[in-house]
Amino acid sequence: MSAYKSFAVVGAGLIGLPIVGALAAQNVSVIVLSRPGSAAKPVPPGVQIIQVDYEDTAAVSAVFNRHRVDVVLCTVNNAVVGIQRPLADAAKRAGVQLFVPSEYATPTDGQPEGSDNPAGGTGAKNETAKYLRTVNLPSVRVFTGPFIESIPYLVGYPEQGKVTIVGKGEVPVSFTAVADISGFVAYVLTHLPPFELQNRIFRLEGERIRMNDLGPLFNTSVEHVDRIPGEVGERRTALLKLLDSGAGSTGWDEAHKRERSGDDAAGSGNALWPGHRWKVIKEVLNL
């Protein structure tokens, strides 16, 4: 069993709330940090929500100290991943033992310095990982590929009744369900010993599929376009281009533009949750 008993989750959105619930189910101490003025969130009994300015290192550190936090999990969205540096400083000051930065998407390791893309915040996320190493704060990074739940939005199915993609759609993409991601994170953090967690990367994969093969799953056609119009379309276009480059696989090696193998292969982290059955697209989306 893990030596970690007290957890702080920063942010309570699409992935943060499920992680909070999964951790609470493990009978450990869990607090949630949210920004001042944030709307109330439905958390399990016994979970305390504490509003604090994420950039106030002293205030955040005091919260971590007061609750004797062992592990900080950051689940902020891509637009504000840069806020993790002061959070890391607060964690280091408070003696936190492990920091889980906000990843939960396509791989960001090996990204060239200063790189970024509108879809994944890859540069900012990799800079966070580098900063954690410089301050000697052990970390765990979890690469999941896109959430299965995001597929209809990603391909424009609700609006058009078909699968619309940018690119050829021939390379495999790793998709993982939110429930599997949150359950995995809670399981490994409460069951694996610290030496198996510190400075590790876990590569998850619920289902591996080509974008072209989503058409038959949805029982509809696939349309290939150069771009998706509109402000929201720009983000979808960027993400679809990213997936079509090969980087949608959690085993993708950006530096060498190829798939990793062995312990670094896509889905290699799944084995750390023994006996678990990973959800597939048809099951999650009720297709």
Protein backbone atom coordinates (compact mmCIF):
# COMPACT_ATOMS: atom_id res chain seq x y z
CA MET A 1 0.00 0.00 0.00
CA SER A 2 1.06 3.57 -0.64
CA ALA A 3 2.38 5.75 2.16
CA TYR A 4 0.30 8.66 0.86
CA LYS A 5 -2.77 9.39 2.98
CA SER A 6 -3.68 13.04 2.36
CA PHE A 7 -4.48 14.55 -1.04
CA ALA A 8 -5.22 18.02 -2.40
CA VAL A 9 -6.92 18.34 -5.78
CA VAL A 10 -6.56 21.73 -7.47
CA GLY A 11 -9.54 22.43 -9.70
CA ALA A 12 -12.82 20.55 -9.86
CA GLY A 13 -13.87 20.33 -13.47
CA LEU A 14 -14.36 17.56 -16.01
CA ILE A 15 -11.50 15.39 -14.72
CA GLY A 16 -10.97 16.97 -11.30
CA LEU A 17 -14.34 16.06 -9.79
CA PRO A 18 -14.16 12.39 -10.84
CA ILE A 19 -10.65 12.17 -9.36
CA VAL A 20 -11.94 13.67 -6.11
CA GLY A 21 -14.71 11.07 -5.99
CA ALA A 22 -12.37 8.19 -6.77
CA LEU A 23 -9.89 9.27 -4.10
CA ALA A 24 -12.63 9.75 -1.51
CA ALA A 25 -13.78 6.19 -2.21
CA GLN A 26 -10.33 5.00 -1.10
CA ASN A 27 -10.98 6.35 2.42
CA VAL A 28 -8.16 8.87 2.39
CA SER A 29 -8.17 12.56 3.29
CA VAL A 30 -9.12 14.76 0.32
CA ILE A 31 -9.42 18.52 0.01
CA VAL A 32 -10.27 20.55 -3.09
CA LEU A 33 -8.70 23.92 -3.84
CA SER A 34 -10.74 26.33 -5.93
CA ARG A 35 -10.43 29.99 -6.84
CA PRO A 36 -12.18 32.62 -4.70
CA GLY A 37 -15.69 33.19 -6.00
CA SER A 38 -15.89 29.85 -7.81
CA ALA A 39 -19.29 28.18 -7.93
CA ALA A 40 -19.97 25.42 -5.42
CA LYS A 41 -19.12 21.91 -6.58
CA PRO A 42 -20.86 18.64 -5.61
CA VAL A 43 -18.18 16.74 -3.71
CA PRO A 44 -18.47 13.56 -1.60
CA PRO A 45 -19.17 13.84 2.14
CA GLY A 46 -16.05 14.62 4.12
CA VAL A 47 -14.32 16.44 1.26
CA GLN A 48 -13.64 20.08 2.10
CA ILE A 49 -13.51 22.80 -0.56
CA ILE A 50 -11.06 25.58 0.21
CA GLN A 51 -11.05 28.76 -1.84
CA VAL A 52 -7.61 30.30 -2.25
CA ASP A 53 -5.68 32.35 -4.78
CA TYR A 54 -3.53 29.82 -6.65
CA GLU A 55 -0.80 32.42 -7.16
CA ASP A 56 -0.53 33.23 -3.44
CA THR A 57 2.23 30.77 -2.62
CA ALA A 58 2.20 31.49 1.10
CA ALA A 59 -1.57 31.03 1.41
CA VAL A 60 -1.60 27.81 -0.62
CA SER A 61 1.38 26.45 1.32
CA ALA A 62 -0.45 27.17 4.57
CA VAL A 63 -3.43 25.15 3.35
CA PHE A 64 -1.18 22.22 2.43
CA ASN A 65 0.53 22.40 5.82
CA ARG A 66 -2.71 22.63 7.77
CA HIS A 67 -4.07 19.50 6.10
CA ARG A 68 -0.72 17.67 6.06
CA VAL A 69 -1.02 17.08 2.33
CA ASP A 70 1.17 14.32 0.88
CA VAL A 71 0.11 14.59 -2.77
CA VAL A 72 -1.07 17.54 -4.86
CA LEU A 73 -3.03 16.79 -8.03
CA CYS A 74 -3.51 19.66 -10.45
CA THR A 75 -6.46 19.37 -12.83
CA VAL A 76 -6.69 22.90 -14.24
CA ASN A 77 -7.57 23.28 -17.91
CA ASN A 78 -5.14 23.97 -20.74
CA ALA A 79 -5.73 27.71 -20.70
CA VAL A 80 -4.17 28.12 -17.25
CA VAL A 81 -1.63 25.30 -16.95
CA GLY A 82 1.05 27.93 -16.36
CA ILE A 83 -0.44 28.52 -12.91
CA GLN A 84 1.15 25.26 -11.77
CA ARG A 85 4.53 26.85 -11.05
CA PRO A 86 3.40 28.82 -7.95
CA LEU A 87 1.40 25.76 -6.89
CA ALA A 88 4.57 23.68 -7.13
CA ASP A 89 6.44 26.28 -5.07
CA ALA A 90 3.74 26.10 -2.41
CA ALA A 91 3.87 22.31 -2.43
CA LYS A 92 7.64 22.30 -2.07
CA ARG A 93 7.49 24.78 0.80
CA ALA A 94 4.89 22.66 2.60
CA GLY A 95 6.86 19.43 2.26
CA VAL A 96 4.45 17.78 -0.18
CA GLN A 97 5.91 14.47 -1.34
CA LEU A 98 4.41 14.12 -4.83
CA PHE A 99 2.98 16.49 -7.45
CA VAL A 100 0.67 15.26 -10.21
CA PRO A 101 0.58 18.00 -12.86
CA SER A 102 -2.33 18.62 -15.19
CA GLU A 103 -1.77 16.37 -18.22
CA TYR A 104 -4.67 13.97 -18.99
CA ALA A 105 -4.36 14.32 -22.77
CA THR A 106 -1.84 13.57 -25.52
CA PRO A 107 1.84 13.05 -24.58
CA THR A 108 3.82 16.18 -23.85
CA ASP A 109 7.21 14.68 -22.98
CA GLY A 110 9.94 15.31 -25.51
CA GLN A 111 8.27 18.41 -26.90
CA PRO A 112 10.85 20.93 -28.17
CA GLU A 113 11.43 23.86 -25.83
CA GLY A 114 8.86 26.59 -26.37
CA SER A 115 6.57 24.38 -28.44
CA ASP A 116 2.84 24.68 -27.99
CA ASN A 117 -0.40 24.05 -29.81
CA PRO A 118 -3.92 25.39 -29.30
CA ALA A 119 -5.28 21.95 -28.53
CA GLY A 120 -3.06 20.59 -25.84
CA GLY A 121 -0.89 23.25 -24.20
CA THR A 122 2.02 20.89 -24.78
CA GLY A 123 4.78 23.43 -24.33
CA ALA A 124 3.40 24.81 -21.07
CA LYS A 125 2.82 21.32 -19.69
CA ASN A 126 6.33 20.16 -20.52
CA GLU A 127 7.76 23.34 -18.99
CA THR A 128 5.89 22.49 -15.77
CA ALA A 129 7.46 19.03 -15.74
CA LYS A 130 10.91 20.55 -16.22
CA TYR A 131 10.29 23.02 -13.40
CA LEU A 132 9.27 20.24 -11.02
CA ARG A 133 12.62 18.58 -11.69
CA THR A 134 14.55 21.80 -11.03
CA VAL A 135 12.94 22.22 -7.59
CA ASN A 136 13.40 18.50 -6.86
CA LEU A 137 9.69 17.82 -6.39
CA PRO A 138 8.82 14.24 -7.47
CA SER A 139 6.00 13.99 -9.98
CA VAL A 140 3.71 11.62 -11.86
CA ARG A 141 2.53 12.45 -15.38
CA VAL A 142 -0.54 10.68 -16.77
CA PHE A 143 -1.06 10.61 -20.55
CA THR A 144 -4.53 9.47 -21.59
CA GLY A 145 -5.17 10.66 -25.12
CA PRO A 146 -8.49 12.45 -25.69
CA PHE A 147 -11.39 11.55 -23.43
CA ILE A 148 -13.82 9.10 -25.02
CA GLU A 149 -16.61 11.43 -23.87
CA SER A 150 -15.18 14.19 -26.09
CA ILE A 151 -15.41 12.25 -29.36
CA PRO A 152 -18.88 13.47 -30.47
CA TYR A 153 -17.83 17.10 -29.97
CA LEU A 154 -14.46 16.52 -31.59
CA VAL A 155 -15.92 15.13 -34.83
CA GLY A 156 -19.00 17.39 -34.89
CA TYR A 157 -21.45 14.51 -34.72
CA PRO A 158 -24.24 16.24 -32.72
CA GLU A 159 -24.45 19.11 -35.22
CA GLN A 160 -23.94 17.25 -38.49
CA GLY A 161 -24.88 13.65 -37.86
CA LYS A 162 -21.60 12.49 -39.39
CA VAL A 163 -17.93 12.20 -38.48
CA THR A 164 -15.94 15.19 -39.71
CA ILE A 165 -12.16 15.00 -39.47
CA VAL A 166 -9.13 16.98 -40.60
CA GLY A 167 -6.36 14.92 -42.20
CA LYS A 168 -6.21 11.37 -43.51
CA GLY A 169 -7.52 9.69 -40.36
CA GLU A 170 -5.31 6.64 -40.81
CA VAL A 171 -3.09 6.77 -37.70
CA PRO A 172 -4.22 5.19 -34.41
CA VAL A 173 -5.40 7.38 -31.55
CA SER A 174 -5.59 6.46 -27.85
CA PHE A 175 -8.96 7.29 -26.28
CA THR A 176 -9.69 6.78 -22.57
CA ALA A 177 -12.85 7.18 -20.49
CA VAL A 178 -12.95 9.74 -17.69
CA ALA A 179 -14.08 7.10 -15.18
CA ASP A 180 -11.10 4.91 -16.06
CA ILE A 181 -8.66 7.81 -15.78
CA SER A 182 -9.93 8.93 -12.39
CA GLY A 183 -10.12 5.38 -11.09
CA PHE A 184 -6.59 4.62 -12.25
CA VAL A 185 -5.16 7.76 -10.67
CA ALA A 186 -6.84 7.02 -7.35
CA TYR A 187 -5.79 3.37 -7.41
CA VAL A 188 -2.09 3.86 -8.13
CA LEU A 189 -1.73 6.77 -5.71
CA THR A 190 -3.24 4.76 -2.86
CA HIS A 191 -1.81 1.33 -3.66
CA LEU A 192 1.66 1.68 -5.18
CA PRO A 193 4.67 2.44 -2.98
CA PRO A 194 6.25 5.89 -3.45
CA PHE A 195 9.31 4.58 -5.30
CA GLU A 196 7.01 3.23 -8.05
CA LEU A 197 5.34 6.61 -8.45
CA GLN A 198 8.04 9.23 -8.18
CA ASN A 199 9.13 10.77 -11.49
CA ARG A 200 7.11 8.32 -13.55
CA ILE A 201 5.04 8.66 -16.71
CA PHE A 202 1.96 6.47 -17.07
CA ARG A 203 0.55 5.96 -20.57
CA LEU A 204 -3.09 4.87 -20.56
CA GLU A 205 -5.33 3.67 -23.36
CA GLY A 206 -8.96 2.61 -23.17
CA GLU A 207 -9.38 1.96 -26.89
CA ARG A 208 -7.02 2.39 -29.83
CA ILE A 209 -8.72 3.31 -33.09
CA ARG A 210 -8.20 5.21 -36.34
CA MET A 211 -10.34 8.30 -36.80
CA ASN A 212 -11.69 6.82 -40.06
CA ASP A 213 -13.06 3.88 -38.09
CA LEU A 214 -15.29 6.12 -35.99
CA GLY A 215 -17.76 6.32 -38.88
CA PRO A 216 -18.84 2.67 -38.63
CA LEU A 217 -19.05 2.96 -34.84
CA PHE A 218 -21.48 5.87 -35.18
CA ASN A 219 -23.19 4.16 -38.13
CA THR A 220 -22.57 7.18 -40.32
CA SER A 221 -20.22 8.58 -42.96
CA VAL A 222 -16.80 10.17 -42.54
CA GLU A 223 -16.07 13.53 -44.17
CA HIS A 224 -12.51 14.80 -44.62
CA VAL A 225 -12.03 18.58 -44.58
CA ASP A 226 -9.08 20.96 -44.54
CA ARG A 227 -10.40 22.98 -41.62
CA ILE A 228 -13.48 23.44 -39.47
CA PRO A 229 -14.84 27.00 -39.61
CA GLY A 230 -15.62 29.25 -36.66
CA GLU A 231 -13.86 30.12 -33.42
CA VAL A 232 -14.58 26.74 -31.84
CA GLY A 233 -13.70 25.14 -35.16
CA GLU A 234 -10.15 26.47 -34.92
CA ARG A 235 -9.59 24.53 -31.71
CA ARG A 236 -11.11 21.39 -33.18
CA THR A 237 -9.01 21.79 -36.32
CA ALA A 238 -5.82 22.11 -34.26
CA LEU A 239 -6.62 19.05 -32.18
CA LEU A 240 -7.57 16.93 -35.20
CA LYS A 241 -4.32 17.90 -36.93
CA LEU A 242 -2.42 16.93 -33.80
CA LEU A 243 -4.11 13.53 -33.71
CA ASP A 244 -3.45 12.99 -37.42
CA SER A 245 0.28 13.59 -36.86
CA GLY A 246 0.50 10.45 -34.72
CA ALA A 247 0.66 12.37 -31.45
CA GLY A 248 -2.80 11.13 -30.45
CA SER A 249 -1.26 7.85 -29.32
CA THR A 250 -0.12 7.83 -25.70
CA GLY A 251 2.98 5.98 -26.85
CA TRP A 252 4.01 8.71 -29.29
CA ASP A 253 7.65 9.83 -29.25
CA GLU A 254 7.57 13.42 -30.47
CA ALA A 255 11.34 13.80 -30.68
CA HIS A 256 11.71 10.85 -33.07
CA LYS A 257 8.23 10.97 -34.65
CA ARG A 258 7.48 7.32 -33.91
CA GLU A 259 5.71 4.98 -31.51
CA ARG A 260 7.47 3.93 -28.34
CA SER A 261 7.58 0.28 -27.30
CA GLY A 262 7.88 -1.91 -24.23
CA ASP A 263 7.29 -0.15 -20.91
CA ASP A 264 6.72 3.13 -22.77
CA ALA A 265 4.18 1.82 -25.28
CA ALA A 266 0.66 3.19 -25.54
CA GLY A 267 -1.46 1.63 -22.81
CA SER A 268 1.54 0.31 -20.89
CA GLY A 269 0.26 1.95 -17.71
CA ASN A 270 -2.99 -0.03 -17.80
CA ALA A 271 -1.29 -3.05 -16.23
CA LEU A 272 -0.73 -1.14 -12.99
CA TRP A 273 -4.46 -1.49 -12.24
CA PRO A 274 -4.73 -5.29 -12.14
CA GLY A 275 -8.09 -6.87 -12.86
CA HIS A 276 -9.64 -3.68 -14.20
CA ARG A 277 -11.67 -3.81 -17.42
CA TRP A 278 -11.09 -0.67 -19.45
CA LYS A 279 -14.14 0.89 -21.08
CA VAL A 280 -14.44 1.11 -24.87
CA ILE A 281 -16.04 3.76 -27.06
CA LYS A 282 -19.31 1.95 -27.82
CA GLU A 283 -19.88 1.32 -24.13
CA VAL A 284 -19.17 4.86 -22.94
CA LEU A 285 -21.16 6.59 -25.71
CA ASN A 286 -23.97 4.01 -25.78
CA LEU A 287 -23.55 3.38 -29.51
